[in-house]
């Protein structure tokens, strides 16, 4: 039987600023990214689920970039960065080096 990773959907996409007005597929991608990011960054374990969450985060981030959505803006503190439609000062998602 093949391994299938199922991540929760729209856990927090509706509450994030800028995403509420986004088309449903974008809001869904942001929700999936947010869930995967939380599972990746906040896990104290280095197990298959954590690794899968980190891989999924990269896939969702790249997909959002492909839809011309960016995460944060130049000179913006990390704590206030959010997904938004890309503009001239926007930062594209970059996969974190481990």
PDB file of N, CA and C in Angstrom:
ATOM      1  N   UNK A   1       0.850  -1.170   0.000  1.00  0.00           N
ATOM      2  CA  UNK A   1       0.000   0.000   0.000  1.00  0.00           C
ATOM      3  C   UNK A   1       0.900   1.239   0.000  1.00  0.00           C
ATOM      4  N   UNK A   2       0.647   2.240  -0.855  1.00  0.00           N
ATOM      5  CA  UNK A   2       1.498   3.433  -0.904  1.00  0.00           C
ATOM      6  C   UNK A   2       1.279   4.323   0.320  1.00  0.00           C
ATOM      7  N   UNK A   3       2.337   5.050   0.673  1.00  0.00           N
ATOM      8  CA  UNK A   3       2.273   6.016   1.771  1.00  0.00           C
ATOM      9  C   UNK A   3       1.570   7.276   1.275  1.00  0.00           C
ATOM     10  N   UNK A   4       0.576   7.733   1.998  1.00  0.00           N
ATOM     11  CA  UNK A   4      -0.157   8.941   1.620  1.00  0.00           C
ATOM     12  C   UNK A   4      -0.103   9.905   2.791  1.00  0.00           C
ATOM     13  N   UNK A   5       0.356  11.113   2.532  1.00  0.00           N
ATOM     14  CA  UNK A   5       0.406  12.145   3.558  1.00  0.00           C
ATOM     15  C   UNK A   5      -0.847  12.991   3.456  1.00  0.00           C
ATOM     16  N   UNK A   6      -1.592  13.071   4.533  1.00  0.00           N
ATOM     17  CA  UNK A   6      -2.794  13.890   4.561  1.00  0.00           C
ATOM     18  C   UNK A   6      -2.569  14.974   5.595  1.00  0.00           C
ATOM     19  N   UNK A   7      -2.597  16.211   5.145  1.00  0.00           N
ATOM     20  CA  UNK A   7      -2.436  17.341   6.049  1.00  0.00           C
ATOM     21  C   UNK A   7      -3.763  18.064   6.191  1.00  0.00           C
ATOM     22  N   UNK A   8      -4.046  18.609   7.350  1.00  0.00           N
ATOM     23  CA  UNK A   8      -5.289  19.348   7.532  1.00  0.00           C
ATOM     24  C   UNK A   8      -5.356  20.550   6.610  1.00  0.00           C
ATOM     25  N   UNK A   9      -6.548  20.947   6.254  1.00  0.00           N
ATOM     26  CA  UNK A   9      -6.770  22.016   5.287  1.00  0.00           C
ATOM     27  C   UNK A   9      -6.738  23.412   5.834  1.00  0.00           C
ATOM     28  N   UNK A  10      -7.849  24.055   5.929  1.00  0.00           N
ATOM     29  CA  UNK A  10      -7.944  25.487   6.167  1.00  0.00           C
ATOM     30  C   UNK A  10      -7.897  25.896   7.628  1.00  0.00           C
ATOM     31  N   UNK A  11      -7.035  25.324   8.414  1.00  0.00           N
ATOM     32  CA  UNK A  11      -7.020  25.585   9.845  1.00  0.00           C
ATOM     33  C   UNK A  11      -6.979  27.065  10.177  1.00  0.00           C
ATOM     34  N   UNK A  12      -6.128  27.843   9.500  1.00  0.00           N
ATOM     35  CA  UNK A  12      -6.004  29.243   9.887  1.00  0.00           C
ATOM     36  C   UNK A  12      -6.021  30.203   8.704  1.00  0.00           C
ATOM     37  N   UNK A  13      -6.294  29.741   7.525  1.00  0.00           N
ATOM     38  CA  UNK A  13      -6.228  30.607   6.348  1.00  0.00           C
ATOM     39  C   UNK A  13      -7.246  31.732   6.409  1.00  0.00           C
ATOM     40  N   UNK A  14      -8.411  31.467   6.983  1.00  0.00           N
ATOM     41  CA  UNK A  14      -9.446  32.482   6.997  1.00  0.00           C
ATOM     42  C   UNK A  14      -9.094  33.656   7.905  1.00  0.00           C
ATOM     43  N   UNK A  15      -8.281  33.420   8.926  1.00  0.00           N
ATOM     44  CA  UNK A  15      -8.000  34.476   9.892  1.00  0.00           C
ATOM     45  C   UNK A  15      -6.782  35.315   9.537  1.00  0.00           C
ATOM     46  N   UNK A  16      -6.019  34.913   8.536  1.00  0.00           N
ATOM     47  CA  UNK A  16      -4.807  35.650   8.210  1.00  0.00           C
ATOM     48  C   UNK A  16      -5.140  36.872   7.364  1.00  0.00           C
ATOM     49  N   UNK A  17      -4.507  37.993   7.694  1.00  0.00           N
ATOM     50  CA  UNK A  17      -4.733  39.212   6.937  1.00  0.00           C
ATOM     51  C   UNK A  17      -4.315  39.057   5.490  1.00  0.00           C
ATOM     52  N   UNK A  18      -5.112  39.576   4.572  1.00  0.00           N
ATOM     53  CA  UNK A  18      -4.785  39.525   3.160  1.00  0.00           C
ATOM     54  C   UNK A  18      -5.281  38.271   2.482  1.00  0.00           C
ATOM     55  N   UNK A  19      -5.464  37.203   3.219  1.00  0.00           N
ATOM     56  CA  UNK A  19      -5.873  35.940   2.623  1.00  0.00           C
ATOM     57  C   UNK A  19      -7.391  35.850   2.510  1.00  0.00           C
ATOM     58  N   UNK A  20      -8.116  36.541   3.369  1.00  0.00           N
ATOM     59  CA  UNK A  20      -9.575  36.460   3.357  1.00  0.00           C
ATOM     60  C   UNK A  20     -10.159  36.857   2.006  1.00  0.00           C
ATOM     61  N   UNK A  21      -9.519  37.767   1.301  1.00  0.00           N
ATOM     62  CA  UNK A  21     -10.011  38.207   0.001  1.00  0.00           C
ATOM     63  C   UNK A  21      -9.426  37.407  -1.156  1.00  0.00           C
ATOM     64  N   UNK A  22      -8.574  36.453  -0.852  1.00  0.00           N
ATOM     65  CA  UNK A  22      -7.916  35.658  -1.892  1.00  0.00           C
ATOM     66  C   UNK A  22      -8.895  34.644  -2.474  1.00  0.00           C
ATOM     67  N   UNK A  23      -8.652  34.234  -3.724  1.00  0.00           N
ATOM     68  CA  UNK A  23      -9.470  33.151  -4.290  1.00  0.00           C
ATOM     69  C   UNK A  23      -9.335  31.893  -3.432  1.00  0.00           C
ATOM     70  N   UNK A  24     -10.362  31.061  -3.417  1.00  0.00           N
ATOM     71  CA  UNK A  24     -10.381  29.871  -2.566  1.00  0.00           C
ATOM     72  C   UNK A  24      -9.151  28.996  -2.733  1.00  0.00           C
ATOM     73  N   UNK A  25      -8.666  28.724  -3.955  1.00  0.00           N
ATOM     74  CA  UNK A  25      -7.463  27.880  -4.052  1.00  0.00           C
ATOM     75  C   UNK A  25      -6.244  28.493  -3.349  1.00  0.00           C
ATOM     76  N   UNK A  26      -6.113  29.807  -3.377  1.00  0.00           N
ATOM     77  CA  UNK A  26      -4.981  30.469  -2.702  1.00  0.00           C
ATOM     78  C   UNK A  26      -5.153  30.346  -1.193  1.00  0.00           C
ATOM     79  N   UNK A  27      -6.344  30.620  -0.705  1.00  0.00           N
ATOM     80  CA  UNK A  27      -6.607  30.510   0.732  1.00  0.00           C
ATOM     81  C   UNK A  27      -6.351  29.086   1.212  1.00  0.00           C
ATOM     82  N   UNK A  28      -6.716  28.115   0.413  1.00  0.00           N
ATOM     83  CA  UNK A  28      -6.482  26.714   0.781  1.00  0.00           C
ATOM     84  C   UNK A  28      -4.983  26.418   0.820  1.00  0.00           C
ATOM     85  N   UNK A  29      -4.234  26.881  -0.170  1.00  0.00           N
ATOM     86  CA  UNK A  29      -2.780  26.684  -0.177  1.00  0.00           C
ATOM     87  C   UNK A  29      -2.128  27.342   1.035  1.00  0.00           C
ATOM     88  N   UNK A  30      -2.579  28.533   1.388  1.00  0.00           N
ATOM     89  CA  UNK A  30      -2.024  29.222   2.560  1.00  0.00           C
ATOM     90  C   UNK A  30      -2.319  28.415   3.824  1.00  0.00           C
ATOM     91  N   UNK A  31      -3.529  27.882   3.928  1.00  0.00           N
ATOM     92  CA  UNK A  31      -3.868  27.046   5.083  1.00  0.00           C
ATOM     93  C   UNK A  31      -3.011  25.801   5.154  1.00  0.00           C
ATOM     94  N   UNK A  32      -2.798  25.156   4.026  1.00  0.00           N
ATOM     95  CA  UNK A  32      -1.959  23.962   3.987  1.00  0.00           C
ATOM     96  C   UNK A  32      -0.518  24.300   4.321  1.00  0.00           C
ATOM     97  N   UNK A  33      -0.013  25.422   3.771  1.00  0.00           N
ATOM     98  CA  UNK A  33       1.347  25.870   4.080  1.00  0.00           C
ATOM     99  C   UNK A  33       1.481  26.130   5.585  1.00  0.00           C
ATOM    100  N   UNK A  34       0.526  26.848   6.154  1.00  0.00           N
ATOM    101  CA  UNK A  34       0.571  27.223   7.569  1.00  0.00           C
ATOM    102  C   UNK A  34       0.601  25.985   8.465  1.00  0.00           C
ATOM    103  N   UNK A  35      -0.239  25.015   8.164  1.00  0.00           N
ATOM    104  CA  UNK A  35      -0.262  23.781   8.959  1.00  0.00           C
ATOM    105  C   UNK A  35       1.055  23.015   8.828  1.00  0.00           C
ATOM    106  N   UNK A  36       1.543  22.879   7.598  1.00  0.00           N
ATOM    107  CA  UNK A  36       2.799  22.162   7.380  1.00  0.00           C
ATOM    108  C   UNK A  36       3.961  22.889   8.058  1.00  0.00           C
ATOM    109  N   UNK A  37       3.965  24.222   7.975  1.00  0.00           N
ATOM    110  CA  UNK A  37       5.024  25.012   8.597  1.00  0.00           C
ATOM    111  C   UNK A  37       5.033  24.815  10.107  1.00  0.00           C
ATOM    112  N   UNK A  38       3.860  24.829  10.717  1.00  0.00           N
ATOM    113  CA  UNK A  38       3.775  24.629  12.165  1.00  0.00           C
ATOM    114  C   UNK A  38       4.284  23.240  12.549  1.00  0.00           C
ATOM    115  N   UNK A  39       3.888  22.227  11.792  1.00  0.00           N
ATOM    116  CA  UNK A  39       4.337  20.858  12.092  1.00  0.00           C
ATOM    117  C   UNK A  39       5.835  20.716  11.878  1.00  0.00           C
ATOM    118  N   UNK A  40       6.377  21.439  10.921  1.00  0.00           N
ATOM    119  CA  UNK A  40       7.813  21.360  10.627  1.00  0.00           C
ATOM    120  C   UNK A  40       8.631  22.121  11.672  1.00  0.00           C
ATOM    121  N   UNK A  41       8.297  23.372  11.899  1.00  0.00           N
ATOM    122  CA  UNK A  41       9.099  24.225  12.784  1.00  0.00           C
ATOM    123  C   UNK A  41       8.942  23.905  14.251  1.00  0.00           C
ATOM    124  N   UNK A  42       7.751  23.515  14.667  1.00  0.00           N
ATOM    125  CA  UNK A  42       7.474  23.383  16.094  1.00  0.00           C
ATOM    126  C   UNK A  42       7.676  21.978  16.644  1.00  0.00           C
ATOM    127  N   UNK A  43       7.928  21.020  15.783  1.00  0.00           N
ATOM    128  CA  UNK A  43       8.103  19.650  16.247  1.00  0.00           C
ATOM    129  C   UNK A  43       9.465  19.487  16.915  1.00  0.00           C
ATOM    130  N   UNK A  44       9.470  18.804  18.023  1.00  0.00           N
ATOM    131  CA  UNK A  44      10.718  18.506  18.727  1.00  0.00           C
ATOM    132  C   UNK A  44      11.288  17.158  18.267  1.00  0.00           C
ATOM    133  N   UNK A  45      10.514  16.461  17.431  1.00  0.00           N
ATOM    134  CA  UNK A  45      10.947  15.146  16.956  1.00  0.00           C
ATOM    135  C   UNK A  45      11.543  15.282  15.557  1.00  0.00           C
ATOM    136  N   UNK A  46      12.345  14.336  15.203  1.00  0.00           N
ATOM    137  CA  UNK A  46      12.889  14.258  13.848  1.00  0.00           C
ATOM    138  C   UNK A  46      12.424  12.932  13.263  1.00  0.00           C
ATOM    139  N   UNK A  47      11.106  12.849  13.033  1.00  0.00           N
ATOM    140  CA  UNK A  47      10.523  11.612  12.536  1.00  0.00           C
ATOM    141  C   UNK A  47       9.974  11.807  11.127  1.00  0.00           C
ATOM    142  N   UNK A  48       9.363  10.777  10.602  1.00  0.00           N
ATOM    143  CA  UNK A  48       8.855  10.816   9.232  1.00  0.00           C
ATOM    144  C   UNK A  48       7.784  11.895   9.058  1.00  0.00           C
ATOM    145  N   UNK A  49       6.905  12.077  10.042  1.00  0.00           N
ATOM    146  CA  UNK A  49       5.858  13.089   9.930  1.00  0.00           C
ATOM    147  C   UNK A  49       6.453  14.493   9.863  1.00  0.00           C
ATOM    148  N   UNK A  50       7.456  14.753  10.684  1.00  0.00           N
ATOM    149  CA  UNK A  50       8.110  16.059  10.661  1.00  0.00           C
ATOM    150  C   UNK A  50       8.778  16.297   9.311  1.00  0.00           C
ATOM    151  N   UNK A  51       9.511  15.300   8.825  1.00  0.00           N
ATOM    152  CA  UNK A  51      10.177  15.425   7.530  1.00  0.00           C
ATOM    153  C   UNK A  51       9.165  15.636   6.403  1.00  0.00           C
ATOM    154  N   UNK A  52       8.046  14.912   6.456  1.00  0.00           N
ATOM    155  CA  UNK A  52       7.004  15.066   5.440  1.00  0.00           C
ATOM    156  C   UNK A  52       6.382  16.456   5.509  1.00  0.00           C
ATOM    157  N   UNK A  53       6.188  16.968   6.715  1.00  0.00           N
ATOM    158  CA  UNK A  53       5.627  18.315   6.874  1.00  0.00           C
ATOM    159  C   UNK A  53       6.566  19.375   6.296  1.00  0.00           C
ATOM    160  N   UNK A  54       7.861  19.212   6.524  1.00  0.00           N
ATOM    161  CA  UNK A  54       8.839  20.161   5.990  1.00  0.00           C
ATOM    162  C   UNK A  54       8.861  20.109   4.460  1.00  0.00           C
ATOM    163  N   UNK A  55       8.772  18.908   3.903  1.00  0.00           N
ATOM    164  CA  UNK A  55       8.733  18.767   2.446  1.00  0.00           C
ATOM    165  C   UNK A  55       7.457  19.378   1.883  1.00  0.00           C
ATOM    166  N   UNK A  56       6.333  19.136   2.566  1.00  0.00           N
ATOM    167  CA  UNK A  56       5.053  19.696   2.118  1.00  0.00           C
ATOM    168  C   UNK A  56       5.084  21.220   2.168  1.00  0.00           C
ATOM    169  N   UNK A  57       5.678  21.775   3.210  1.00  0.00           N
ATOM    170  CA  UNK A  57       5.792  23.236   3.325  1.00  0.00           C
ATOM    171  C   UNK A  57       6.510  23.813   2.106  1.00  0.00           C
ATOM    172  N   UNK A  58       7.576  23.171   1.694  1.00  0.00           N
ATOM    173  CA  UNK A  58       8.323  23.640   0.519  1.00  0.00           C
ATOM    174  C   UNK A  58       7.479  23.566  -0.747  1.00  0.00           C
ATOM    175  N   UNK A  59       6.711  22.500  -0.871  1.00  0.00           N
ATOM    176  CA  UNK A  59       5.846  22.345  -2.045  1.00  0.00           C
ATOM    177  C   UNK A  59       4.768  23.420  -2.059  1.00  0.00           C
ATOM    178  N   UNK A  60       4.116  23.646  -0.925  1.00  0.00           N
ATOM    179  CA  UNK A  60       3.067  24.660  -0.851  1.00  0.00           C
ATOM    180  C   UNK A  60       3.624  26.064  -1.059  1.00  0.00           C
ATOM    181  N   UNK A  61       4.798  26.349  -0.489  1.00  0.00           N
ATOM    182  CA  UNK A  61       5.431  27.660  -0.684  1.00  0.00           C
ATOM    183  C   UNK A  61       5.760  27.904  -2.143  1.00  0.00           C
ATOM    184  N   UNK A  62       6.305  26.896  -2.815  1.00  0.00           N
ATOM    185  CA  UNK A  62       6.616  27.023  -4.244  1.00  0.00           C
ATOM    186  C   UNK A  62       5.344  27.185  -5.067  1.00  0.00           C
ATOM    187  N   UNK A  63       4.294  26.473  -4.684  1.00  0.00           N
ATOM    188  CA  UNK A  63       3.019  26.595  -5.405  1.00  0.00           C
ATOM    189  C   UNK A  63       2.442  28.001  -5.251  1.00  0.00           C
ATOM    190  N   UNK A  64       2.533  28.567  -4.049  1.00  0.00           N
ATOM    191  CA  UNK A  64       2.049  29.933  -3.840  1.00  0.00           C
ATOM    192  C   UNK A  64       2.868  30.927  -4.656  1.00  0.00           C
ATOM    193  N   UNK A  65       4.176  30.753  -4.698  1.00  0.00           N
ATOM    194  CA  UNK A  65       5.012  31.613  -5.545  1.00  0.00           C
ATOM    195  C   UNK A  65       4.580  31.502  -6.999  1.00  0.00           C
ATOM    196  N   UNK A  66       4.253  30.291  -7.428  1.00  0.00           N
ATOM    197  CA  UNK A  66       3.801  30.070  -8.801  1.00  0.00           C
ATOM    198  C   UNK A  66       2.495  30.780  -9.115  1.00  0.00           C
ATOM    199  N   UNK A  67       1.721  31.053  -8.073  1.00  0.00           N
ATOM    200  CA  UNK A  67       0.460  31.801  -8.227  1.00  0.00           C
ATOM    201  C   UNK A  67       0.674  33.295  -8.005  1.00  0.00           C
ATOM    202  N   UNK A  68       1.928  33.714  -7.912  1.00  0.00           N
ATOM    203  CA  UNK A  68       2.331  35.111  -7.702  1.00  0.00           C
ATOM    204  C   UNK A  68       1.905  35.631  -6.322  1.00  0.00           C
ATOM    205  N   UNK A  69       2.061  34.757  -5.329  1.00  0.00           N
ATOM    206  CA  UNK A  69       1.852  35.134  -3.939  1.00  0.00           C
ATOM    207  C   UNK A  69       3.189  35.065  -3.232  1.00  0.00           C
ATOM    208  N   UNK A  70       3.434  36.029  -2.356  1.00  0.00           N
ATOM    209  CA  UNK A  70       4.718  36.171  -1.678  1.00  0.00           C
ATOM    210  C   UNK A  70       4.522  36.177  -0.169  1.00  0.00           C
ATOM    211  N   UNK A  71       5.620  35.925   0.546  1.00  0.00           N
ATOM    212  CA  UNK A  71       5.579  35.886   2.006  1.00  0.00           C
ATOM    213  C   UNK A  71       6.477  36.984   2.552  1.00  0.00           C
ATOM    214  N   UNK A  72       5.866  38.050   3.034  1.00  0.00           N
ATOM    215  CA  UNK A  72       6.604  39.162   3.615  1.00  0.00           C
ATOM    216  C   UNK A  72       7.079  40.163   2.583  1.00  0.00           C
ATOM    217  N   UNK A  73       7.600  41.273   3.118  1.00  0.00           N
ATOM    218  CA  UNK A  73       8.113  42.361   2.274  1.00  0.00           C
ATOM    219  C   UNK A  73       9.493  42.771   2.768  1.00  0.00           C
ATOM    220  N   UNK A  74      10.249  43.408   1.898  1.00  0.00           N
ATOM    221  CA  UNK A  74      11.591  43.869   2.254  1.00  0.00           C
ATOM    222  C   UNK A  74      11.527  44.743   3.507  1.00  0.00           C
ATOM    223  N   UNK A  75      12.497  44.567   4.385  1.00  0.00           N
ATOM    224  CA  UNK A  75      12.632  45.342   5.622  1.00  0.00           C
ATOM    225  C   UNK A  75      11.476  45.157   6.603  1.00  0.00           C
ATOM    226  N   UNK A  76      10.669  44.112   6.429  1.00  0.00           N
ATOM    227  CA  UNK A  76       9.561  43.830   7.341  1.00  0.00           C
ATOM    228  C   UNK A  76      10.039  42.833   8.393  1.00  0.00           C
ATOM    229  N   UNK A  77       9.686  43.042   9.667  1.00  0.00           N
ATOM    230  CA  UNK A  77      10.063  42.067  10.695  1.00  0.00           C
ATOM    231  C   UNK A  77       9.403  40.709  10.416  1.00  0.00           C
ATOM    232  N   UNK A  78      10.116  39.641  10.711  1.00  0.00           N
ATOM    233  CA  UNK A  78       9.581  38.294  10.486  1.00  0.00           C
ATOM    234  C   UNK A  78       8.232  38.088  11.155  1.00  0.00           C
ATOM    235  N   UNK A  79       8.061  38.654  12.330  1.00  0.00           N
ATOM    236  CA  UNK A  79       6.835  38.440  13.098  1.00  0.00           C
ATOM    237  C   UNK A  79       5.587  38.983  12.408  1.00  0.00           C
ATOM    238  N   UNK A  80       5.745  39.927  11.503  1.00  0.00           N
ATOM    239  CA  UNK A  80       4.570  40.517  10.848  1.00  0.00           C
ATOM    240  C   UNK A  80       4.391  40.046   9.406  1.00  0.00           C
ATOM    241  N   UNK A  81       5.275  39.172   8.931  1.00  0.00           N
ATOM    242  CA  UNK A  81       5.178  38.704   7.547  1.00  0.00           C
ATOM    243  C   UNK A  81       3.940  37.841   7.353  1.00  0.00           C
ATOM    244  N   UNK A  82       3.279  38.056   6.209  1.00  0.00           N
ATOM    245  CA  UNK A  82       2.092  37.292   5.849  1.00  0.00           C
ATOM    246  C   UNK A  82       2.124  37.007   4.356  1.00  0.00           C
ATOM    247  N   UNK A  83       1.348  36.023   3.935  1.00  0.00           N
ATOM    248  CA  UNK A  83       1.169  35.759   2.506  1.00  0.00           C
ATOM    249  C   UNK A  83       0.300  36.858   1.907  1.00  0.00           C
ATOM    250  N   UNK A  84       0.665  37.308   0.720  1.00  0.00           N
ATOM    251  CA  UNK A  84      -0.074  38.362   0.035  1.00  0.00           C
ATOM    252  C   UNK A  84       0.242  38.295  -1.457  1.00  0.00           C
ATOM    253  N   UNK A  85      -0.589  38.932  -2.275  1.00  0.00           N
ATOM    254  CA  UNK A  85      -0.299  39.027  -3.705  1.00  0.00           C
ATOM    255  C   UNK A  85       1.009  39.803  -3.857  1.00  0.00           C
ATOM    256  N   UNK A  86       1.929  39.252  -4.647  1.00  0.00           N
ATOM    257  CA  UNK A  86       3.255  39.862  -4.783  1.00  0.00           C
ATOM    258  C   UNK A  86       3.185  41.287  -5.314  1.00  0.00           C
ATOM    259  N   UNK A  87       4.052  42.132  -4.792  1.00  0.00           N
ATOM    260  CA  UNK A  87       4.207  43.513  -5.233  1.00  0.00           C
ATOM    261  C   UNK A  87       5.685  43.806  -5.404  1.00  0.00           C
ATOM    262  N   UNK A  88       6.027  45.080  -5.670  1.00  0.00           N
ATOM    263  CA  UNK A  88       7.424  45.429  -5.946  1.00  0.00           C
ATOM    264  C   UNK A  88       8.395  45.161  -4.797  1.00  0.00           C
ATOM    265  N   UNK A  89       7.937  45.212  -3.549  1.00  0.00           N
ATOM    266  CA  UNK A  89       8.847  45.003  -2.415  1.00  0.00           C
ATOM    267  C   UNK A  89       8.635  43.640  -1.742  1.00  0.00           C
ATOM    268  N   UNK A  90       7.872  42.773  -2.376  1.00  0.00           N
ATOM    269  CA  UNK A  90       7.544  41.471  -1.795  1.00  0.00           C
ATOM    270  C   UNK A  90       8.710  40.497  -1.863  1.00  0.00           C
ATOM    271  N   UNK A  91       8.719  39.584  -0.913  1.00  0.00           N
ATOM    272  CA  UNK A  91       9.716  38.525  -0.867  1.00  0.00           C
ATOM    273  C   UNK A  91       9.064  37.210  -1.272  1.00  0.00           C
ATOM    274  N   UNK A  92       9.727  36.481  -2.120  1.00  0.00           N
ATOM    275  CA  UNK A  92       9.229  35.166  -2.523  1.00  0.00           C
ATOM    276  C   UNK A  92       9.623  34.145  -1.468  1.00  0.00           C
ATOM    277  N   UNK A  93       8.827  33.096  -1.358  1.00  0.00           N
ATOM    278  CA  UNK A  93       9.141  31.993  -0.436  1.00  0.00           C
ATOM    279  C   UNK A  93      10.466  31.384  -0.850  1.00  0.00           C
ATOM    280  N   UNK A  94      11.325  31.172   0.118  1.00  0.00           N
ATOM    281  CA  UNK A  94      12.601  30.519  -0.140  1.00  0.00           C
ATOM    282  C   UNK A  94      12.716  29.337   0.797  1.00  0.00           C
ATOM    283  N   UNK A  95      12.979  28.174   0.231  1.00  0.00           N
ATOM    284  CA  UNK A  95      13.116  26.975   1.064  1.00  0.00           C
ATOM    285  C   UNK A  95      14.274  27.178   2.029  1.00  0.00           C
ATOM    286  N   UNK A  96      14.025  26.870   3.297  1.00  0.00           N
ATOM    287  CA  UNK A  96      15.047  27.034   4.325  1.00  0.00           C
ATOM    288  C   UNK A  96      16.079  25.936   4.218  1.00  0.00           C
ATOM    289  N   UNK A  97      17.324  26.303   4.393  1.00  0.00           N
ATOM    290  CA  UNK A  97      18.420  25.322   4.403  1.00  0.00           C
ATOM    291  C   UNK A  97      18.462  24.701   5.787  1.00  0.00           C
ATOM    292  N   UNK A  98      18.656  23.390   5.846  1.00  0.00           N
ATOM    293  CA  UNK A  98      18.722  22.720   7.149  1.00  0.00           C
ATOM    294  C   UNK A  98      20.118  22.362   7.494  1.00  0.00           C
TER     295      UNK A  98
END
